[in-house]
């Protein structure tokens, strides 16, 4: 999250490298704690390199299976611990991720082209 300096009213935002390093550490902890997690990556501005003040971190997790509907899957992952900026989290099953590889939508293309796998 943005940090206010004790001697200034200016907010500072973590740089892209710091956010990517935090994402790698977070991803390693998540994967170690949950054997259902197959892959973790980030995409969006952090992956493209156009990261800036106010940017969030877009994460994708691929799990072996889930009985939860897609909109509820992210609730199983603590994105507040160890990540210095707000997070948008998408969680796909392996089967859904495989189907996404053949999807022709702009979003599917973006995911395929941009994801930087960290786990």
C-alpha atoms as a PDB file:
ATOM      1  CA  UNK A   1       0.000   0.000   0.000  1.00  0.00           C
ATOM      2  CA  UNK A   2       1.150   3.555  -0.425  1.00  0.00           C
ATOM      3  CA  UNK A   3       3.236   4.809   2.465  1.00  0.00           C
ATOM      4  CA  UNK A   4       3.149   8.314   3.888  1.00  0.00           C
ATOM      5  CA  UNK A   5       6.493   9.629   5.031  1.00  0.00           C
ATOM      6  CA  UNK A   6       6.410  10.901   8.617  1.00  0.00           C
ATOM      7  CA  UNK A   7       7.961  14.209   7.539  1.00  0.00           C
ATOM      8  CA  UNK A   8       5.966  14.722   4.355  1.00  0.00           C
ATOM      9  CA  UNK A   9       2.454  14.696   2.985  1.00  0.00           C
ATOM     10  CA  UNK A  10       3.656  12.925  -0.136  1.00  0.00           C
ATOM     11  CA  UNK A  11       2.655   9.320  -0.728  1.00  0.00           C
ATOM     12  CA  UNK A  12       5.227   6.999  -2.223  1.00  0.00           C
ATOM     13  CA  UNK A  13       4.308   3.941  -4.250  1.00  0.00           C
ATOM     14  CA  UNK A  14       6.475   0.811  -4.424  1.00  0.00           C
ATOM     15  CA  UNK A  15       8.407   0.422  -7.650  1.00  0.00           C
ATOM     16  CA  UNK A  16       7.746  -2.419 -10.069  1.00  0.00           C
ATOM     17  CA  UNK A  17      10.767  -4.469  -8.997  1.00  0.00           C
ATOM     18  CA  UNK A  18       9.728  -4.327  -5.337  1.00  0.00           C
ATOM     19  CA  UNK A  19       6.198  -5.421  -6.208  1.00  0.00           C
ATOM     20  CA  UNK A  20       7.437  -8.275  -8.412  1.00  0.00           C
ATOM     21  CA  UNK A  21       9.781  -9.454  -5.642  1.00  0.00           C
ATOM     22  CA  UNK A  22       6.948  -9.333  -3.108  1.00  0.00           C
ATOM     23  CA  UNK A  23       4.734 -11.282  -5.525  1.00  0.00           C
ATOM     24  CA  UNK A  24       7.398 -13.979  -5.935  1.00  0.00           C
ATOM     25  CA  UNK A  25       7.784 -14.340  -2.164  1.00  0.00           C
ATOM     26  CA  UNK A  26       4.008 -14.387  -1.656  1.00  0.00           C
ATOM     27  CA  UNK A  27       3.571 -16.929  -4.441  1.00  0.00           C
ATOM     28  CA  UNK A  28       6.206 -19.224  -2.978  1.00  0.00           C
ATOM     29  CA  UNK A  29       4.432 -19.155   0.411  1.00  0.00           C
ATOM     30  CA  UNK A  30       1.020 -19.794  -1.150  1.00  0.00           C
ATOM     31  CA  UNK A  31       2.266 -22.687  -3.292  1.00  0.00           C
ATOM     32  CA  UNK A  32       4.110 -24.265  -0.364  1.00  0.00           C
ATOM     33  CA  UNK A  33       0.969 -24.122   1.779  1.00  0.00           C
ATOM     34  CA  UNK A  34      -1.500 -25.408  -0.823  1.00  0.00           C
ATOM     35  CA  UNK A  35      -0.684 -28.475  -2.951  1.00  0.00           C
ATOM     36  CA  UNK A  36      -3.735 -27.688  -5.120  1.00  0.00           C
ATOM     37  CA  UNK A  37      -1.890 -24.637  -6.522  1.00  0.00           C
ATOM     38  CA  UNK A  38      -0.208 -25.474  -9.825  1.00  0.00           C
ATOM     39  CA  UNK A  39       0.920 -22.064 -11.083  1.00  0.00           C
ATOM     40  CA  UNK A  40       0.954 -18.432  -9.995  1.00  0.00           C
ATOM     41  CA  UNK A  41       1.718 -15.468 -12.214  1.00  0.00           C
ATOM     42  CA  UNK A  42       1.169 -11.778 -12.656  1.00  0.00           C
ATOM     43  CA  UNK A  43      -0.020  -9.848 -15.687  1.00  0.00           C
ATOM     44  CA  UNK A  44      -1.167  -6.332 -16.521  1.00  0.00           C
ATOM     45  CA  UNK A  45       0.918  -3.217 -15.985  1.00  0.00           C
ATOM     46  CA  UNK A  46       3.494  -4.955 -13.777  1.00  0.00           C
ATOM     47  CA  UNK A  47       4.144  -7.574 -16.474  1.00  0.00           C
ATOM     48  CA  UNK A  48       4.027  -5.104 -19.390  1.00  0.00           C
ATOM     49  CA  UNK A  49       6.349  -2.607 -17.753  1.00  0.00           C
ATOM     50  CA  UNK A  50       3.964   0.355 -17.712  1.00  0.00           C
ATOM     51  CA  UNK A  51       3.598   0.175 -13.920  1.00  0.00           C
ATOM     52  CA  UNK A  52       3.068   3.488 -12.162  1.00  0.00           C
ATOM     53  CA  UNK A  53       1.795   5.199  -9.066  1.00  0.00           C
ATOM     54  CA  UNK A  54      -1.627   3.820  -8.243  1.00  0.00           C
ATOM     55  CA  UNK A  55      -1.181   0.581 -10.204  1.00  0.00           C
ATOM     56  CA  UNK A  56      -2.544  -2.596  -8.683  1.00  0.00           C
ATOM     57  CA  UNK A  57      -1.125  -6.090  -9.061  1.00  0.00           C
ATOM     58  CA  UNK A  58      -3.043  -8.478 -11.306  1.00  0.00           C
ATOM     59  CA  UNK A  59      -2.454 -12.069 -10.217  1.00  0.00           C
ATOM     60  CA  UNK A  60      -3.583 -15.364 -11.709  1.00  0.00           C
ATOM     61  CA  UNK A  61      -3.528 -18.688  -9.905  1.00  0.00           C
ATOM     62  CA  UNK A  62      -4.110 -22.031 -11.596  1.00  0.00           C
ATOM     63  CA  UNK A  63      -5.354 -24.732  -9.244  1.00  0.00           C
ATOM     64  CA  UNK A  64      -5.784 -28.430  -9.937  1.00  0.00           C
ATOM     65  CA  UNK A  65      -9.463 -28.327  -9.027  1.00  0.00           C
ATOM     66  CA  UNK A  66     -12.048 -26.299  -7.160  1.00  0.00           C
ATOM     67  CA  UNK A  67     -15.638 -26.860  -6.120  1.00  0.00           C
ATOM     68  CA  UNK A  68     -16.110 -23.120  -5.581  1.00  0.00           C
ATOM     69  CA  UNK A  69     -17.582 -20.888  -8.288  1.00  0.00           C
ATOM     70  CA  UNK A  70     -14.931 -18.713  -9.967  1.00  0.00           C
ATOM     71  CA  UNK A  71     -16.040 -15.535  -8.216  1.00  0.00           C
ATOM     72  CA  UNK A  72     -15.438 -17.079  -4.763  1.00  0.00           C
ATOM     73  CA  UNK A  73     -12.133 -18.867  -5.378  1.00  0.00           C
ATOM     74  CA  UNK A  74      -9.933 -15.901  -4.571  1.00  0.00           C
ATOM     75  CA  UNK A  75     -11.316 -15.787  -1.026  1.00  0.00           C
ATOM     76  CA  UNK A  76      -9.153 -18.793  -0.164  1.00  0.00           C
ATOM     77  CA  UNK A  77      -5.972 -16.745  -0.714  1.00  0.00           C
ATOM     78  CA  UNK A  78      -4.709 -14.004   1.601  1.00  0.00           C
ATOM     79  CA  UNK A  79      -3.647 -11.208  -0.735  1.00  0.00           C
ATOM     80  CA  UNK A  80      -3.224  -8.702   2.087  1.00  0.00           C
ATOM     81  CA  UNK A  81      -0.204 -10.350   3.715  1.00  0.00           C
ATOM     82  CA  UNK A  82       3.087  -9.494   2.091  1.00  0.00           C
ATOM     83  CA  UNK A  83       1.819  -7.691  -0.987  1.00  0.00           C
ATOM     84  CA  UNK A  84       2.474  -3.941  -0.939  1.00  0.00           C
ATOM     85  CA  UNK A  85      -0.291  -2.846  -3.328  1.00  0.00           C
ATOM     86  CA  UNK A  86      -3.947  -3.724  -3.954  1.00  0.00           C
ATOM     87  CA  UNK A  87      -4.472  -6.991  -5.841  1.00  0.00           C
ATOM     88  CA  UNK A  88      -6.898  -8.259  -8.456  1.00  0.00           C
ATOM     89  CA  UNK A  89      -6.846 -12.045  -8.254  1.00  0.00           C
ATOM     90  CA  UNK A  90      -8.158 -14.539 -10.800  1.00  0.00           C
ATOM     91  CA  UNK A  91      -8.249 -18.239  -9.951  1.00  0.00           C
ATOM     92  CA  UNK A  92      -8.712 -20.820 -12.703  1.00  0.00           C
ATOM     93  CA  UNK A  93      -8.810 -24.580 -12.541  1.00  0.00           C
ATOM     94  CA  UNK A  94      -6.321 -26.411 -14.752  1.00  0.00           C
ATOM     95  CA  UNK A  95      -9.172 -27.427 -17.051  1.00  0.00           C
ATOM     96  CA  UNK A  96     -10.423 -23.823 -17.345  1.00  0.00           C
ATOM     97  CA  UNK A  97      -6.896 -22.575 -18.014  1.00  0.00           C
ATOM     98  CA  UNK A  98      -6.481 -25.151 -20.760  1.00  0.00           C
ATOM     99  CA  UNK A  99      -9.749 -24.043 -22.389  1.00  0.00           C
ATOM    100  CA  UNK A 100      -8.592 -20.438 -22.155  1.00  0.00           C
ATOM    101  CA  UNK A 101      -5.642 -21.290 -24.414  1.00  0.00           C
ATOM    102  CA  UNK A 102      -8.074 -21.710 -27.316  1.00  0.00           C
ATOM    103  CA  UNK A 103     -10.223 -18.703 -26.436  1.00  0.00           C
ATOM    104  CA  UNK A 104     -10.083 -15.927 -29.041  1.00  0.00           C
ATOM    105  CA  UNK A 105     -11.200 -13.082 -26.768  1.00  0.00           C
ATOM    106  CA  UNK A 106      -8.960 -10.066 -26.223  1.00  0.00           C
ATOM    107  CA  UNK A 107      -8.702 -10.860 -22.524  1.00  0.00           C
ATOM    108  CA  UNK A 108      -7.613 -14.455 -23.183  1.00  0.00           C
ATOM    109  CA  UNK A 109      -4.946 -13.192 -25.615  1.00  0.00           C
ATOM    110  CA  UNK A 110      -3.735 -10.709 -23.014  1.00  0.00           C
ATOM    111  CA  UNK A 111      -3.439 -13.415 -20.367  1.00  0.00           C
ATOM    112  CA  UNK A 112      -1.561 -15.754 -22.696  1.00  0.00           C
ATOM    113  CA  UNK A 113       0.803 -13.014 -23.869  1.00  0.00           C
ATOM    114  CA  UNK A 114       1.435 -11.178 -20.604  1.00  0.00           C
ATOM    115  CA  UNK A 115       1.535 -13.595 -17.702  1.00  0.00           C
ATOM    116  CA  UNK A 116       4.896 -13.748 -15.970  1.00  0.00           C
ATOM    117  CA  UNK A 117       4.893 -17.074 -14.141  1.00  0.00           C
ATOM    118  CA  UNK A 118       6.449 -16.901 -10.695  1.00  0.00           C
ATOM    119  CA  UNK A 119       5.444 -20.372  -9.444  1.00  0.00           C
END
